[in-house]
N, C-alpha and C. Protein backbone atom coordinates (compact mmCIF):
# COMPACT_ATOMS: atom_id res chain seq x y z
N MET A 1 12.48 12.76 -0.05
CA MET A 1 11.42 12.05 0.35
C MET A 1 10.72 11.75 -1.10
N LYS A 2 10.15 10.39 -1.05
CA LYS A 2 9.56 9.89 -2.41
C LYS A 2 8.28 10.43 -2.39
N HIS A 3 7.73 10.64 -3.66
CA HIS A 3 6.47 10.94 -3.93
C HIS A 3 5.56 9.74 -4.16
N PHE A 4 6.05 8.75 -4.66
CA PHE A 4 5.36 7.59 -5.03
C PHE A 4 6.06 6.27 -4.50
N LEU A 5 5.41 5.48 -3.98
CA LEU A 5 5.74 4.10 -3.45
C LEU A 5 5.51 3.05 -4.23
N LYS A 6 6.65 2.18 -4.41
CA LYS A 6 6.44 1.02 -5.17
C LYS A 6 6.47 -0.08 -4.28
N VAL A 7 6.32 -1.35 -4.71
CA VAL A 7 6.15 -2.69 -4.03
C VAL A 7 7.20 -2.76 -2.80
N LYS A 8 8.36 -2.68 -3.21
CA LYS A 8 9.51 -2.50 -2.06
C LYS A 8 9.08 -1.67 -0.88
N ASP A 9 8.90 -0.52 -1.33
CA ASP A 9 8.52 0.53 -0.21
C ASP A 9 7.24 0.18 0.65
N ILE A 10 6.26 -0.23 -0.06
CA ILE A 10 5.16 -0.72 0.70
C ILE A 10 5.60 -1.96 1.49
N LYS A 11 6.24 -2.96 1.14
CA LYS A 11 6.60 -4.07 2.02
C LYS A 11 7.41 -3.46 3.32
N GLU A 12 8.26 -2.62 3.06
CA GLU A 12 9.05 -2.12 4.18
C GLU A 12 8.20 -1.27 5.04
N ILE A 13 7.39 -0.47 4.71
CA ILE A 13 6.44 0.35 5.38
C ILE A 13 5.51 -0.56 6.33
N VAL A 14 4.99 -1.57 5.75
CA VAL A 14 4.00 -2.70 6.31
C VAL A 14 4.97 -3.23 7.54
N LEU A 15 6.04 -3.75 7.24
CA LEU A 15 6.82 -4.35 8.17
C LEU A 15 7.21 -3.44 9.36
N LYS A 16 7.56 -2.25 9.02
CA LYS A 16 7.98 -1.38 9.99
C LYS A 16 6.82 -0.90 10.88
N GLU A 17 5.76 -0.49 10.20
CA GLU A 17 4.53 -0.05 11.07
C GLU A 17 3.63 -0.98 11.70
N TYR A 18 3.35 -2.39 10.96
CA TYR A 18 2.46 -3.16 11.39
C TYR A 18 3.32 -4.46 12.01
N GLY A 19 4.59 -4.51 11.78
CA GLY A 19 5.32 -5.84 12.07
C GLY A 19 4.94 -6.99 11.39
N LYS A 20 4.29 -6.84 10.26
CA LYS A 20 4.00 -7.85 9.29
C LYS A 20 4.81 -7.85 8.10
N SER A 21 5.08 -8.98 7.73
CA SER A 21 5.86 -9.23 6.41
C SER A 21 4.81 -9.82 5.32
N ILE A 22 4.74 -8.95 4.31
CA ILE A 22 3.87 -9.30 3.13
C ILE A 22 4.50 -9.71 1.79
N SER A 23 3.89 -10.39 1.26
CA SER A 23 4.43 -10.64 -0.15
C SER A 23 4.26 -9.76 -1.11
N SER A 24 5.08 -9.76 -2.24
CA SER A 24 5.08 -8.76 -3.20
C SER A 24 3.58 -8.68 -3.82
N SER A 25 2.82 -9.92 -3.89
CA SER A 25 1.58 -9.90 -4.57
C SER A 25 0.61 -9.06 -3.74
N LYS A 26 0.67 -9.12 -2.38
CA LYS A 26 -0.24 -8.45 -1.37
C LYS A 26 0.13 -6.92 -1.53
N ALA A 27 1.31 -6.68 -1.77
CA ALA A 27 1.74 -5.23 -1.98
C ALA A 27 1.21 -4.62 -3.24
N TYR A 28 1.35 -5.59 -4.37
CA TYR A 28 0.77 -5.06 -5.58
C TYR A 28 -0.84 -4.82 -5.36
N GLU A 29 -1.59 -5.80 -4.54
CA GLU A 29 -2.95 -5.72 -4.24
C GLU A 29 -3.41 -4.28 -3.57
N ILE A 30 -2.43 -3.95 -2.73
CA ILE A 30 -2.60 -2.58 -2.19
C ILE A 30 -2.60 -1.55 -3.07
N ILE A 31 -1.58 -1.56 -3.75
CA ILE A 31 -1.40 -0.55 -4.86
C ILE A 31 -2.52 -0.40 -5.83
N ARG A 32 -2.94 -1.59 -6.25
CA ARG A 32 -4.17 -1.56 -7.10
C ARG A 32 -5.30 -1.04 -6.54
N ILE A 33 -5.58 -1.38 -5.24
CA ILE A 33 -6.87 -0.91 -4.70
C ILE A 33 -6.83 0.62 -4.45
N LEU A 34 -5.70 1.15 -4.08
CA LEU A 34 -5.39 2.46 -3.86
C LEU A 34 -5.57 3.17 -5.25
N ASN A 35 -5.01 2.80 -6.18
CA ASN A 35 -5.00 3.33 -7.54
C ASN A 35 -6.46 3.29 -8.24
N LEU A 36 -7.20 2.29 -7.81
CA LEU A 36 -8.61 2.29 -8.35
C LEU A 36 -9.29 3.56 -7.72
N GLU A 37 -9.20 3.41 -6.42
CA GLU A 37 -9.87 4.72 -5.61
C GLU A 37 -9.49 5.89 -6.29
N LEU A 38 -8.26 6.33 -6.71
CA LEU A 38 -7.87 7.53 -7.33
C LEU A 38 -8.29 7.74 -8.66
N GLU A 39 -8.45 6.56 -9.52
CA GLU A 39 -8.86 6.57 -10.74
C GLU A 39 -10.53 6.88 -10.73
N GLU A 40 -11.20 6.38 -9.82
CA GLU A 40 -12.78 6.80 -9.55
C GLU A 40 -12.87 8.22 -9.37
N LYS A 41 -11.86 8.85 -8.97
CA LYS A 41 -11.74 10.40 -8.50
C LYS A 41 -11.17 11.10 -9.77
N ASN A 42 -11.07 10.31 -11.03
CA ASN A 42 -10.44 10.95 -12.04
C ASN A 42 -8.99 11.43 -11.89
N ILE A 43 -8.11 10.87 -10.96
CA ILE A 43 -6.90 11.27 -10.75
C ILE A 43 -5.90 10.32 -11.44
N LEU A 44 -4.83 10.90 -12.04
CA LEU A 44 -4.03 10.04 -12.87
C LEU A 44 -3.03 9.22 -12.01
N THR A 45 -3.09 8.01 -12.34
CA THR A 45 -2.31 7.02 -11.42
C THR A 45 -0.98 6.48 -12.40
N ILE A 46 -0.05 5.86 -11.62
CA ILE A 46 0.95 5.26 -12.29
C ILE A 46 1.10 3.72 -11.93
N ARG A 47 1.04 2.90 -12.97
CA ARG A 47 0.89 1.59 -12.83
C ARG A 47 2.04 0.95 -11.82
N GLY A 48 1.78 0.23 -10.66
CA GLY A 48 2.95 -0.27 -9.98
C GLY A 48 3.41 0.67 -8.91
N ALA A 49 2.63 1.79 -8.76
CA ALA A 49 2.99 2.67 -7.80
C ALA A 49 2.00 3.48 -7.15
N VAL A 50 2.09 3.97 -5.94
CA VAL A 50 1.04 4.80 -5.49
C VAL A 50 1.54 6.00 -4.81
N SER A 51 0.71 7.15 -4.86
CA SER A 51 1.10 8.38 -4.18
C SER A 51 1.45 8.14 -2.70
N GLN A 52 2.46 8.50 -2.12
CA GLN A 52 2.76 8.34 -0.85
C GLN A 52 1.78 8.99 0.00
N LYS A 53 1.36 10.30 -0.41
CA LYS A 53 0.44 11.00 0.28
C LYS A 53 -0.87 10.38 0.44
N TYR A 54 -1.49 9.66 -0.69
CA TYR A 54 -2.55 9.02 -0.62
C TYR A 54 -2.45 7.62 0.22
N PHE A 55 -1.37 6.86 0.03
CA PHE A 55 -1.15 5.85 1.05
C PHE A 55 -1.02 6.14 2.35
N ASN A 56 -0.72 7.32 2.82
CA ASN A 56 -0.64 7.65 4.38
C ASN A 56 -2.09 8.02 4.69
N ALA A 57 -2.88 8.64 3.69
CA ALA A 57 -4.13 8.92 4.02
C ALA A 57 -5.17 7.85 4.32
N ARG A 58 -4.80 6.64 3.61
CA ARG A 58 -5.68 5.58 3.52
C ARG A 58 -5.18 4.35 4.64
N GLN A 59 -4.60 4.92 5.70
CA GLN A 59 -4.15 3.69 6.58
C GLN A 59 -5.08 2.64 6.87
N LYS A 60 -6.45 3.27 7.18
CA LYS A 60 -7.39 2.28 7.67
C LYS A 60 -7.55 1.28 6.53
N ILE A 61 -7.55 1.51 5.51
CA ILE A 61 -7.96 0.32 4.48
C ILE A 61 -6.58 -0.65 4.47
N ILE A 62 -5.53 0.00 4.54
CA ILE A 62 -4.25 -0.77 4.70
C ILE A 62 -4.48 -1.78 5.87
N SER A 63 -4.79 -1.29 7.02
CA SER A 63 -4.85 -2.25 8.14
C SER A 63 -6.04 -3.29 7.83
N GLN A 64 -7.25 -2.86 7.13
CA GLN A 64 -8.05 -3.82 6.74
C GLN A 64 -7.61 -4.95 5.79
N LEU A 65 -6.91 -4.60 4.86
CA LEU A 65 -6.32 -5.59 4.04
C LEU A 65 -5.23 -6.47 4.64
N LEU A 66 -4.54 -6.06 5.74
CA LEU A 66 -3.75 -6.89 6.44
C LEU A 66 -4.29 -7.78 7.40
N LYS A 67 -5.51 -7.77 7.86
CA LYS A 67 -6.13 -8.77 8.73
C LYS A 67 -5.99 -10.01 8.06
N GLY A 68 -5.55 -11.15 8.96
CA GLY A 68 -5.34 -12.31 8.57
C GLY A 68 -3.87 -12.65 8.22
N VAL A 69 -3.08 -11.41 8.15
CA VAL A 69 -1.67 -11.60 7.72
C VAL A 69 -1.06 -11.66 9.28
N LYS A 70 -0.25 -12.75 9.38
CA LYS A 70 0.50 -13.01 10.80
C LYS A 70 1.49 -11.90 10.86
N LYS A 71 1.89 -11.64 12.21
CA LYS A 71 2.89 -10.69 12.59
C LYS A 71 4.20 -11.47 12.49
N ASN A 72 5.41 -10.82 12.17
CA ASN A 72 6.54 -11.42 12.33
C ASN A 72 6.98 -11.48 13.82
N GLU A 73 7.62 -12.48 14.04
CA GLU A 73 8.13 -12.55 15.59
C GLU A 73 9.52 -13.00 15.53
């Protein structure tokens, strides 16, 4: 099991969980937002990757960021 998710992983999860295909820039945006939240809590982050545990805990913000992204059909 991976401890950190990168852009490719985020794109795969979003497609699998939400049925939506996102661009790499959208995946980077998600990573940046989550890492900013972690930095505000004085938690060390890795640029271009996000903790899988934190990503899973913040599913609500992920769904908000995906509003307006069309589903793959």
